[in-house]
Amino acid sequence: MDTEILKELLKEVVDGKKTIEKALDVLKDLPFKDLGFAKIDTHRELRMGAPEAIYCEGKTPNQILKIIKEMKPTSNILATRVQKNVIQKIKDIYPEAKIYPDSNLVFIGDFPKETIGKVAIITAGTSDIPVGRECEVTARSMGVEVETVFDVGVSGLHRILSIRETIVDADILVIIAGMEGALPSVVAGLTDVPIIAVPTSIGYGSSFKGITPLLTMLNSCAPGIAVMNIDDGYGAGYFAAATIKKILGRERKGKNL
């Protein structure tokens, strides 16, 4: 449940359009709804600015569909790491769902029309795009403007230099890279914009499924880099959007005082 839904509910009570008993019935599942196999955090959007995401890996198709059914009336739904067969089932039940099959990602709902700030998501390679897409959809679902630039890794340094305007105009950069993971360090030396670095599991054997780029990013000599877990596009998108909304939201409030 988000703040707008809650405000509308309270307004209906004040205007006499809804009884207190009916309102309590709507609110009975706060702060969570117990399904036995899962406890849906219905209070998360009020606390944290974004609804609970469904991490689908390890869940059965029926569990995933049950969680979606319970969440849909009161919040947008972001489902990550969704199995291919489950994606099709979701699409059959919810034809309005936005499907990102290459990222195993599903979004049901509406992206906010009003946005705040801007995050630029940059991937080193085309193979890193699925993680970048997960980051993009997460940030957009939280009401932040997103610009994406793909395949500008260090093997062709002129490519990253060609998007300098994008780099310096963003409020936060998310740099996603596999292999040796050097791109965040390169970009951090070009701008004062804070960087969230995301290592991916893309690479040959000595990349160790993302361990090598993770260590590269953690050991960067360039300042201003925060490092996420391997392939964690959702975490990067959430952190970028939450940071932008908190900082720019405070600035807007200050100007209105």
Protein backbone atom coordinates (compact mmCIF):
# COMPACT_ATOMS: atom_id res chain seq x y z
CA MET A 1 0.00 0.00 0.00
CA ASP A 2 1.45 3.38 -0.98
CA THR A 3 0.79 6.80 0.54
CA GLU A 4 -1.64 7.90 -2.20
CA ILE A 5 -3.88 4.86 -1.66
CA LEU A 6 -3.81 5.44 2.09
CA LYS A 7 -4.62 9.15 1.68
CA GLU A 8 -7.57 8.32 -0.58
CA LEU A 9 -8.85 5.77 1.94
CA LEU A 10 -8.69 8.28 4.79
CA LYS A 11 -10.37 10.94 2.65
CA GLU A 12 -13.25 8.55 1.89
CA VAL A 13 -13.72 8.00 5.63
CA VAL A 14 -13.69 11.74 6.33
CA ASP A 15 -16.16 12.40 3.49
CA GLY A 16 -18.46 9.65 4.73
CA LYS A 17 -18.03 7.56 1.57
CA LYS A 18 -16.53 4.66 3.49
CA THR A 19 -17.30 3.46 6.99
CA ILE A 20 -14.63 3.01 9.64
CA GLU A 21 -15.33 -0.73 9.57
CA LYS A 22 -14.71 -0.87 5.81
CA ALA A 23 -11.50 1.10 6.20
CA LEU A 24 -10.31 -1.26 8.93
CA ASP A 25 -11.04 -4.16 6.61
CA VAL A 26 -8.72 -2.62 4.01
CA LEU A 27 -6.03 -2.00 6.63
CA LYS A 28 -6.28 -5.37 8.36
CA ASP A 29 -3.22 -6.72 6.53
CA LEU A 30 -0.90 -3.96 7.76
CA PRO A 31 1.99 -4.32 8.40
CA PHE A 32 2.15 -7.74 6.71
CA LYS A 33 -0.11 -10.39 5.28
CA ASP A 34 0.61 -13.98 6.32
CA LEU A 35 0.14 -16.53 3.54
CA GLY A 36 1.73 -19.33 5.52
CA PHE A 37 4.62 -19.86 3.10
CA ALA A 38 5.29 -16.09 2.86
CA LYS A 39 4.64 -12.93 4.85
CA ILE A 40 3.98 -10.09 2.41
CA ASP A 41 5.37 -6.81 3.73
CA THR A 42 2.39 -4.58 2.92
CA HIS A 43 3.84 -1.75 5.00
CA ARG A 44 7.14 -1.49 3.10
CA GLU A 45 6.10 1.18 0.62
CA LEU A 46 4.91 3.43 3.45
CA ARG A 47 8.20 2.90 5.30
CA MET A 48 10.70 2.75 2.47
CA GLY A 49 9.15 4.34 -0.63
CA ALA A 50 8.90 1.17 -2.72
CA PRO A 51 6.78 -1.97 -2.42
CA GLU A 52 8.28 -5.33 -1.60
CA ALA A 53 9.83 -7.01 -4.64
CA ILE A 54 9.22 -10.69 -5.27
CA TYR A 55 12.48 -12.63 -5.51
CA CYS A 56 11.23 -15.64 -7.44
CA GLU A 57 14.27 -17.91 -7.42
CA GLY A 58 13.47 -20.97 -5.28
CA LYS A 59 9.73 -20.25 -5.17
CA THR A 60 7.19 -22.50 -6.87
CA PRO A 61 4.99 -21.12 -9.67
CA ASN A 62 1.92 -21.35 -7.43
CA GLN A 63 3.65 -19.46 -4.63
CA ILE A 64 4.68 -16.68 -7.01
CA LEU A 65 1.20 -16.35 -8.52
CA LYS A 66 -0.41 -16.35 -5.06
CA ILE A 67 1.88 -13.54 -3.86
CA ILE A 68 1.13 -11.48 -6.99
CA LYS A 69 -2.60 -11.99 -6.53
CA GLU A 70 -2.44 -10.74 -2.92
CA MET A 71 -0.21 -7.75 -3.72
CA LYS A 72 -1.85 -6.48 -6.89
CA PRO A 73 -4.85 -4.61 -5.44
CA THR A 74 -2.72 -2.21 -3.38
CA SER A 75 0.72 -1.87 -4.99
CA ASN A 76 2.84 -2.12 -8.10
CA ILE A 77 4.60 -5.45 -8.40
CA LEU A 78 8.22 -6.08 -9.33
CA ALA A 79 9.18 -9.73 -9.69
CA THR A 80 12.85 -10.62 -10.23
CA ARG A 81 14.59 -13.83 -11.31
CA VAL A 82 11.33 -15.22 -12.69
CA GLN A 83 11.47 -18.62 -14.38
CA LYS A 84 10.57 -18.64 -18.09
CA ASN A 85 7.51 -20.87 -17.60
CA VAL A 86 6.24 -18.61 -14.81
CA ILE A 87 6.68 -15.51 -16.99
CA GLN A 88 4.26 -17.02 -19.50
CA LYS A 89 1.73 -17.84 -16.77
CA ILE A 90 1.92 -14.29 -15.43
CA LYS A 91 1.45 -12.91 -18.94
CA ASP A 92 -1.63 -15.10 -19.45
CA ILE A 93 -3.26 -13.90 -16.20
CA TYR A 94 -2.06 -10.28 -16.34
CA PRO A 95 -1.80 -9.24 -20.02
CA GLU A 96 -0.96 -5.69 -18.95
CA ALA A 97 2.27 -6.88 -17.30
CA LYS A 98 5.53 -5.48 -18.64
CA ILE A 99 7.79 -8.42 -19.43
CA TYR A 100 11.58 -8.29 -19.71
CA PRO A 101 12.41 -11.88 -20.65
CA ASP A 102 16.17 -11.37 -21.10
CA SER A 103 16.33 -10.15 -17.50
CA ASN A 104 13.80 -12.66 -16.11
CA LEU A 105 11.90 -9.64 -14.87
CA VAL A 106 8.21 -8.73 -14.62
CA PHE A 107 6.60 -5.42 -13.66
CA ILE A 108 2.86 -5.11 -13.08
CA GLY A 109 1.52 -1.62 -12.51
CA ASP A 110 2.33 1.90 -13.65
CA PHE A 111 5.61 3.75 -13.53
CA PRO A 112 5.18 7.12 -11.76
CA LYS A 113 4.43 9.94 -14.20
CA GLU A 114 6.24 12.49 -12.06
CA THR A 115 9.94 11.80 -11.62
CA ILE A 116 12.72 13.24 -9.51
CA GLY A 117 16.41 13.30 -10.34
CA LYS A 118 18.24 11.19 -12.85
CA VAL A 119 20.28 8.00 -12.71
CA ALA A 120 22.43 6.95 -15.66
CA ILE A 121 22.94 3.20 -15.98
CA ILE A 122 26.00 2.22 -17.98
CA THR A 123 27.07 -1.30 -18.89
CA ALA A 124 30.53 -2.35 -20.01
CA GLY A 125 29.21 -4.99 -22.41
CA THR A 126 26.06 -6.16 -24.14
CA SER A 127 26.13 -9.29 -21.96
CA ASP A 128 25.70 -7.04 -18.89
CA ILE A 129 22.40 -5.61 -20.16
CA PRO A 130 20.11 -8.04 -18.22
CA VAL A 131 21.53 -6.74 -14.93
CA GLY A 132 21.28 -3.19 -16.25
CA ARG A 133 17.63 -3.70 -17.18
CA GLU A 134 16.83 -4.98 -13.69
CA CYS A 135 18.44 -1.84 -12.29
CA GLU A 136 16.55 0.39 -14.74
CA VAL A 137 13.09 -1.02 -14.05
CA THR A 138 13.67 -0.89 -10.29
CA ALA A 139 14.70 2.78 -10.36
CA ARG A 140 11.87 3.73 -12.73
CA SER A 141 9.32 1.99 -10.51
CA MET A 142 10.46 4.28 -7.68
CA GLY A 143 9.86 7.48 -9.65
CA VAL A 144 13.36 8.35 -10.84
CA GLU A 145 14.29 9.30 -14.41
CA VAL A 146 16.62 6.77 -15.99
CA GLU A 147 18.99 6.95 -18.94
CA THR A 148 20.71 3.80 -20.16
CA VAL A 149 23.92 3.43 -22.15
CA PHE A 150 25.05 -0.06 -23.13
CA ASP A 151 28.33 -1.58 -24.31
CA VAL A 152 30.90 1.13 -23.58
CA GLY A 153 33.58 -0.95 -21.84
CA VAL A 154 37.30 -0.29 -21.51
CA SER A 155 38.26 -2.41 -24.52
CA GLY A 156 37.20 0.63 -26.56
CA LEU A 157 37.85 3.59 -24.26
CA HIS A 158 36.70 6.13 -26.86
CA ARG A 159 33.14 4.82 -26.35
CA ILE A 160 32.95 5.91 -22.71
CA LEU A 161 34.53 9.27 -23.56
CA SER A 162 31.80 9.86 -26.14
CA ILE A 163 29.09 9.93 -23.45
CA ARG A 164 30.79 12.39 -21.09
CA GLU A 165 27.72 14.67 -21.12
CA THR A 166 25.52 11.80 -19.90
CA ILE A 167 28.02 11.02 -17.16
CA VAL A 168 28.29 14.53 -15.76
CA ASP A 169 24.56 15.33 -16.03
CA ALA A 170 23.40 12.40 -13.88
CA ASP A 171 22.75 12.63 -10.15
CA ILE A 172 24.05 9.09 -9.64
CA LEU A 173 25.78 6.65 -11.99
CA VAL A 174 25.35 2.90 -11.93
CA ILE A 175 28.26 1.22 -13.70
CA ILE A 176 27.81 -2.47 -14.48
CA ALA A 177 30.70 -4.64 -15.63
CA GLY A 178 31.93 -8.22 -15.73
CA MET A 179 35.28 -9.57 -16.95
CA GLU A 180 37.93 -7.61 -14.98
CA GLY A 181 35.43 -4.94 -13.86
CA ALA A 182 37.59 -1.88 -14.56
CA LEU A 183 34.94 0.44 -15.99
CA PRO A 184 33.76 2.02 -12.68
CA SER A 185 37.32 3.08 -11.86
CA VAL A 186 37.73 4.68 -15.29
CA VAL A 187 34.45 6.60 -15.04
CA ALA A 188 35.13 7.68 -11.44
CA GLY A 189 38.26 9.44 -12.70
CA LEU A 190 36.17 11.52 -15.12
CA THR A 191 33.43 12.94 -12.87
CA ASP A 192 32.41 13.99 -9.37
CA VAL A 193 29.09 12.11 -9.71
CA PRO A 194 28.73 9.30 -7.11
CA ILE A 195 29.04 5.82 -8.60
CA ILE A 196 27.36 2.55 -7.70
CA ALA A 197 29.41 -0.29 -9.18
CA VAL A 198 27.81 -3.65 -9.95
CA PRO A 199 30.00 -6.65 -10.81
CA THR A 200 28.42 -9.26 -13.04
CA SER A 201 29.06 -12.96 -13.44
CA ILE A 202 29.98 -12.45 -17.11
CA GLY A 203 33.50 -13.57 -18.00
CA TYR A 204 35.87 -16.44 -18.64
CA GLY A 205 37.02 -18.93 -16.01
CA SER A 206 39.38 -16.67 -14.07
CA SER A 207 36.52 -14.21 -13.61
CA PHE A 208 35.20 -16.77 -11.10
CA LYS A 209 31.56 -15.93 -11.84
CA GLY A 210 31.92 -12.32 -10.77
CA ILE A 211 34.45 -12.59 -7.95
CA THR A 212 37.23 -10.97 -10.01
CA PRO A 213 35.26 -7.83 -11.00
CA LEU A 214 33.89 -7.63 -7.45
CA LEU A 215 37.44 -7.51 -6.02
CA THR A 216 38.54 -5.04 -8.69
CA MET A 217 35.73 -2.67 -7.77
CA LEU A 218 36.33 -3.04 -4.04
CA ASN A 219 40.03 -2.29 -4.54
CA SER A 220 39.57 0.69 -6.86
CA CYS A 221 41.92 3.58 -6.19
CA ALA A 222 39.27 5.99 -7.53
CA PRO A 223 37.14 7.59 -4.76
CA GLY A 224 33.37 7.87 -4.78
CA ILE A 225 32.52 4.25 -5.62
CA ALA A 226 30.08 2.07 -3.67
CA VAL A 227 30.00 -1.61 -4.66
CA MET A 228 26.96 -3.86 -4.81
CA ASN A 229 26.79 -7.66 -4.81
CA ILE A 230 27.37 -9.70 -7.97
CA ASP A 231 24.52 -9.33 -10.52
CA ASP A 232 22.47 -7.26 -8.04
CA GLY A 233 20.74 -4.89 -10.44
CA TYR A 234 17.75 -4.62 -8.14
CA GLY A 235 19.87 -3.53 -5.19
CA ALA A 236 21.71 -0.94 -7.29
CA GLY A 237 18.50 0.49 -8.74
CA TYR A 238 16.88 0.69 -5.33
CA PHE A 239 19.90 2.33 -3.70
CA ALA A 240 20.27 4.87 -6.51
CA ALA A 241 16.59 5.83 -6.49
CA ALA A 242 16.30 5.96 -2.70
CA THR A 243 19.38 8.18 -2.44
CA ILE A 244 18.20 10.57 -5.14
CA LYS A 245 14.71 10.84 -3.68
CA LYS A 246 16.01 11.45 -0.17
CA ILE A 247 18.56 14.11 -1.12
CA LEU A 248 16.56 15.96 -3.78
CA GLY A 249 13.37 15.63 -1.73
CA ARG A 250 15.05 17.44 1.15
CA GLU A 251 16.32 20.14 -1.20
CA ARG A 252 12.81 20.72 -2.54
CA LYS A 253 11.37 20.92 0.96
CA GLY A 254 14.05 23.45 1.89
CA LYS A 255 13.18 25.66 -1.06
CA ASN A 256 9.49 25.60 -0.07
CA LEU A 257 10.11 26.73 3.50
